[in-house]
Amino acid sequence: MVAKNVETASNIPMPLTFLPFIGSAIVRPESMPAGLRWFAEYQPFTPIIETLRGLWLGTGTGSSAAIGLAWCVALTVVGYLWVHRTFTTGAKR
């Protein structure tokens, strides 16, 4: 309902596709320049990636599991509210 055509609908989630690559999926944030490191440490995918890395390597997850879960819940709530508002205002048109 937000997109006006098929091309727009397929390109709306494009920024989410690149977030893991700017995070800690490939390179640890400690080796990044200051501005990029700040963004990589505080974006939603980094705690999820760090949790998976800790579970796979057996090194523990620390607080990254709770932070990753909090990001998932927050994004789910924001998505739900956005969809709910979009469909209720779209239904009135």
N, C-alpha and C. Protein backbone atom coordinates (compact mmCIF):
# COMPACT_ATOMS: atom_id res chain seq x y z
N MET A 1 0.82 -1.19 0.00
CA MET A 1 0.00 0.00 0.00
C MET A 1 0.86 1.26 0.00
N VAL A 2 2.10 1.14 0.42
CA VAL A 2 2.99 2.30 0.41
C VAL A 2 3.56 2.51 -0.98
N ALA A 3 3.91 1.42 -1.64
CA ALA A 3 4.52 1.51 -2.97
C ALA A 3 3.44 1.73 -4.03
N LYS A 4 3.80 2.54 -4.99
CA LYS A 4 2.85 2.84 -6.07
C LYS A 4 2.96 1.87 -7.23
N ASN A 5 4.11 1.17 -7.37
CA ASN A 5 4.26 0.20 -8.45
C ASN A 5 5.18 -0.95 -8.00
N VAL A 6 5.37 -1.92 -8.85
CA VAL A 6 6.13 -3.12 -8.50
C VAL A 6 7.60 -2.79 -8.26
N GLU A 7 8.17 -1.91 -9.05
CA GLU A 7 9.58 -1.57 -8.90
C GLU A 7 9.85 -0.92 -7.54
N THR A 8 8.98 -0.04 -7.14
CA THR A 8 9.14 0.60 -5.83
C THR A 8 8.99 -0.42 -4.71
N ALA A 9 8.05 -1.31 -4.84
CA ALA A 9 7.84 -2.33 -3.81
C ALA A 9 9.05 -3.24 -3.67
N SER A 10 9.72 -3.55 -4.77
CA SER A 10 10.90 -4.42 -4.68
C SER A 10 12.11 -3.68 -4.16
N ASN A 11 12.14 -2.36 -4.23
CA ASN A 11 13.30 -1.60 -3.78
C ASN A 11 13.17 -1.02 -2.38
N ILE A 12 12.00 -1.07 -1.78
CA ILE A 12 11.82 -0.52 -0.43
C ILE A 12 12.72 -1.22 0.60
N PRO A 13 12.83 -2.55 0.60
CA PRO A 13 13.69 -3.18 1.62
C PRO A 13 15.18 -3.19 1.27
N MET A 14 15.59 -2.55 0.20
CA MET A 14 16.99 -2.58 -0.23
C MET A 14 17.98 -2.11 0.84
N PRO A 15 17.73 -1.02 1.57
CA PRO A 15 18.70 -0.61 2.61
C PRO A 15 18.91 -1.69 3.68
N LEU A 16 17.89 -2.45 4.00
CA LEU A 16 18.05 -3.53 4.99
C LEU A 16 18.98 -4.63 4.49
N THR A 17 19.07 -4.79 3.18
CA THR A 17 19.94 -5.81 2.61
C THR A 17 21.41 -5.48 2.86
N PHE A 18 21.75 -4.20 2.89
CA PHE A 18 23.14 -3.80 3.04
C PHE A 18 23.58 -3.63 4.49
N LEU A 19 22.66 -3.56 5.44
CA LEU A 19 23.03 -3.36 6.84
C LEU A 19 23.99 -4.42 7.39
N PRO A 20 23.81 -5.71 7.13
CA PRO A 20 24.79 -6.67 7.67
C PRO A 20 26.20 -6.44 7.15
N PHE A 21 26.35 -5.94 5.94
CA PHE A 21 27.67 -5.71 5.38
C PHE A 21 28.36 -4.50 6.01
N ILE A 22 27.57 -3.55 6.51
CA ILE A 22 28.13 -2.38 7.18
C ILE A 22 28.35 -2.69 8.66
N GLY A 23 27.81 -3.77 9.14
CA GLY A 23 27.97 -4.17 10.53
C GLY A 23 29.17 -5.07 10.72
N SER A 24 29.07 -5.97 11.66
CA SER A 24 30.19 -6.83 12.02
C SER A 24 30.12 -8.19 11.35
N ALA A 25 29.35 -8.34 10.28
CA ALA A 25 29.21 -9.64 9.63
C ALA A 25 30.51 -10.10 8.99
N ILE A 26 31.26 -9.19 8.40
CA ILE A 26 32.48 -9.56 7.68
C ILE A 26 33.72 -9.12 8.44
N VAL A 27 33.73 -7.88 8.94
CA VAL A 27 34.89 -7.31 9.62
C VAL A 27 34.47 -6.86 11.01
N ARG A 28 35.31 -7.08 12.00
CA ARG A 28 35.02 -6.61 13.35
C ARG A 28 35.02 -5.08 13.39
N PRO A 29 34.10 -4.47 14.15
CA PRO A 29 34.04 -3.00 14.20
C PRO A 29 35.31 -2.34 14.73
N GLU A 30 36.09 -3.05 15.53
CA GLU A 30 37.31 -2.46 16.09
C GLU A 30 38.31 -2.06 15.01
N SER A 31 38.26 -2.70 13.85
CA SER A 31 39.20 -2.40 12.78
C SER A 31 38.67 -1.35 11.79
N MET A 32 37.50 -0.80 12.04
CA MET A 32 36.89 0.17 11.14
C MET A 32 37.25 1.59 11.55
N PRO A 33 37.14 2.55 10.61
CA PRO A 33 37.32 3.97 10.98
C PRO A 33 36.26 4.40 11.99
N ALA A 34 36.51 5.49 12.69
CA ALA A 34 35.67 5.90 13.83
C ALA A 34 34.19 6.05 13.48
N GLY A 35 33.84 6.78 12.43
CA GLY A 35 32.44 6.99 12.08
C GLY A 35 31.73 5.71 11.68
N LEU A 36 32.39 4.91 10.88
CA LEU A 36 31.82 3.64 10.45
C LEU A 36 31.73 2.66 11.62
N ARG A 37 32.73 2.70 12.51
CA ARG A 37 32.72 1.82 13.68
C ARG A 37 31.53 2.15 14.57
N TRP A 38 31.25 3.45 14.78
CA TRP A 38 30.11 3.82 15.62
C TRP A 38 28.82 3.28 15.02
N PHE A 39 28.65 3.47 13.71
CA PHE A 39 27.44 2.97 13.06
C PHE A 39 27.35 1.46 13.14
N ALA A 40 28.47 0.77 12.90
CA ALA A 40 28.48 -0.69 12.91
C ALA A 40 28.17 -1.25 14.30
N GLU A 41 28.60 -0.57 15.34
CA GLU A 41 28.36 -1.07 16.70
C GLU A 41 26.92 -0.89 17.14
N TYR A 42 26.23 0.10 16.62
CA TYR A 42 24.89 0.41 17.11
C TYR A 42 23.76 0.12 16.13
N GLN A 43 24.03 -0.54 15.05
CA GLN A 43 22.95 -0.89 14.14
C GLN A 43 22.35 -2.24 14.55
N PRO A 44 21.14 -2.56 14.12
CA PRO A 44 20.40 -3.72 14.64
C PRO A 44 21.04 -5.08 14.36
N PHE A 45 21.75 -5.24 13.26
CA PHE A 45 22.25 -6.57 12.92
C PHE A 45 23.48 -6.98 13.70
N THR A 46 24.25 -6.03 14.22
CA THR A 46 25.50 -6.36 14.91
C THR A 46 25.27 -7.24 16.14
N PRO A 47 24.34 -6.92 17.06
CA PRO A 47 24.17 -7.82 18.21
C PRO A 47 23.66 -9.20 17.81
N ILE A 48 22.87 -9.27 16.76
CA ILE A 48 22.38 -10.58 16.30
C ILE A 48 23.54 -11.38 15.72
N ILE A 49 24.39 -10.74 14.93
CA ILE A 49 25.55 -11.41 14.35
C ILE A 49 26.52 -11.84 15.46
N GLU A 50 26.75 -10.98 16.44
CA GLU A 50 27.65 -11.32 17.54
C GLU A 50 27.10 -12.47 18.38
N THR A 51 25.79 -12.53 18.55
CA THR A 51 25.18 -13.64 19.27
C THR A 51 25.38 -14.94 18.51
N LEU A 52 25.12 -14.93 17.22
CA LEU A 52 25.32 -16.14 16.42
C LEU A 52 26.78 -16.56 16.39
N ARG A 53 27.68 -15.60 16.28
CA ARG A 53 29.11 -15.89 16.29
C ARG A 53 29.53 -16.52 17.62
N GLY A 54 29.04 -15.97 18.72
CA GLY A 54 29.35 -16.52 20.04
C GLY A 54 28.80 -17.91 20.23
N LEU A 55 27.60 -18.16 19.73
CA LEU A 55 27.01 -19.51 19.85
C LEU A 55 27.74 -20.52 18.98
N TRP A 56 28.11 -20.14 17.78
CA TRP A 56 28.81 -21.06 16.88
C TRP A 56 30.22 -21.38 17.36
N LEU A 57 30.91 -20.37 17.90
CA LEU A 57 32.29 -20.57 18.33
C LEU A 57 32.39 -21.04 19.78
N GLY A 58 31.28 -21.00 20.50
CA GLY A 58 31.27 -21.43 21.88
C GLY A 58 31.93 -20.45 22.83
N THR A 59 32.00 -19.19 22.45
CA THR A 59 32.64 -18.18 23.29
C THR A 59 31.67 -17.43 24.18
N GLY A 60 30.41 -17.73 24.10
CA GLY A 60 29.41 -17.03 24.89
C GLY A 60 28.87 -15.81 24.15
N THR A 61 27.73 -15.36 24.61
CA THR A 61 27.08 -14.25 23.91
C THR A 61 27.15 -12.94 24.67
N GLY A 62 27.41 -12.98 25.95
CA GLY A 62 27.44 -11.75 26.73
C GLY A 62 26.09 -11.07 26.71
N SER A 63 26.09 -9.77 26.54
CA SER A 63 24.83 -9.02 26.50
C SER A 63 24.27 -8.89 25.09
N SER A 64 24.99 -9.40 24.09
CA SER A 64 24.53 -9.22 22.71
C SER A 64 23.24 -9.98 22.43
N ALA A 65 22.98 -11.08 23.13
CA ALA A 65 21.73 -11.81 22.91
C ALA A 65 20.53 -10.98 23.36
N ALA A 66 20.65 -10.36 24.53
CA ALA A 66 19.55 -9.53 25.03
C ALA A 66 19.35 -8.29 24.15
N ILE A 67 20.44 -7.69 23.72
CA ILE A 67 20.34 -6.51 22.87
C ILE A 67 19.74 -6.88 21.51
N GLY A 68 20.18 -8.01 20.95
CA GLY A 68 19.62 -8.48 19.68
C GLY A 68 18.14 -8.78 19.79
N LEU A 69 17.74 -9.41 20.89
CA LEU A 69 16.32 -9.69 21.11
C LEU A 69 15.52 -8.40 21.27
N ALA A 70 16.10 -7.43 21.97
CA ALA A 70 15.42 -6.13 22.13
C ALA A 70 15.25 -5.44 20.78
N TRP A 71 16.28 -5.50 19.91
CA TRP A 71 16.15 -4.93 18.57
C TRP A 71 15.05 -5.63 17.79
N CYS A 72 14.99 -6.96 17.88
CA CYS A 72 13.95 -7.70 17.15
C CYS A 72 12.56 -7.31 17.61
N VAL A 73 12.38 -7.20 18.93
CA VAL A 73 11.07 -6.81 19.47
C VAL A 73 10.73 -5.38 19.05
N ALA A 74 11.70 -4.47 19.15
CA ALA A 74 11.45 -3.07 18.78
C ALA A 74 11.09 -2.94 17.31
N LEU A 75 11.83 -3.63 16.44
CA LEU A 75 11.52 -3.55 15.01
C LEU A 75 10.18 -4.20 14.67
N THR A 76 9.82 -5.25 15.40
CA THR A 76 8.52 -5.88 15.20
C THR A 76 7.39 -4.94 15.60
N VAL A 77 7.54 -4.26 16.73
CA VAL A 77 6.52 -3.32 17.19
C VAL A 77 6.39 -2.14 16.22
N VAL A 78 7.52 -1.59 15.79
CA VAL A 78 7.49 -0.47 14.84
C VAL A 78 6.85 -0.93 13.52
N GLY A 79 7.21 -2.11 13.04
CA GLY A 79 6.62 -2.63 11.81
C GLY A 79 5.13 -2.86 11.94
N TYR A 80 4.72 -3.40 13.07
CA TYR A 80 3.29 -3.63 13.29
C TYR A 80 2.51 -2.31 13.30
N LEU A 81 3.05 -1.32 14.03
CA LEU A 81 2.36 -0.03 14.10
C LEU A 81 2.31 0.64 12.73
N TRP A 82 3.39 0.53 11.97
CA TRP A 82 3.41 1.12 10.62
C TRP A 82 2.40 0.45 9.70
N VAL A 83 2.37 -0.88 9.73
CA VAL A 83 1.42 -1.63 8.90
C VAL A 83 -0.01 -1.33 9.33
N HIS A 84 -0.25 -1.30 10.63
CA HIS A 84 -1.60 -1.03 11.13
C HIS A 84 -2.07 0.34 10.68
N ARG A 85 -1.20 1.34 10.81
CA ARG A 85 -1.58 2.70 10.41
C ARG A 85 -1.77 2.78 8.90
N THR A 86 -0.92 2.11 8.14
CA THR A 86 -1.03 2.13 6.69
C THR A 86 -2.34 1.49 6.21
N PHE A 87 -2.69 0.36 6.80
CA PHE A 87 -3.92 -0.32 6.37
C PHE A 87 -5.17 0.39 6.84
N THR A 88 -5.14 1.00 8.02
CA THR A 88 -6.34 1.70 8.46
C THR A 88 -6.56 2.99 7.68
N THR A 89 -5.48 3.71 7.35
CA THR A 89 -5.66 4.91 6.55
C THR A 89 -5.92 4.56 5.09
N GLY A 90 -5.36 3.45 4.62
CA GLY A 90 -5.60 3.02 3.24
C GLY A 90 -7.03 2.51 3.05
N ALA A 91 -7.60 1.93 4.08
CA ALA A 91 -8.96 1.40 3.98
C ALA A 91 -9.99 2.53 3.92
N LYS A 92 -9.64 3.70 4.43
CA LYS A 92 -10.57 4.83 4.44
C LYS A 92 -10.61 5.53 3.08
N ARG A 93 -9.60 5.31 2.23
CA ARG A 93 -9.56 5.99 0.93
C ARG A 93 -10.59 5.52 0.01
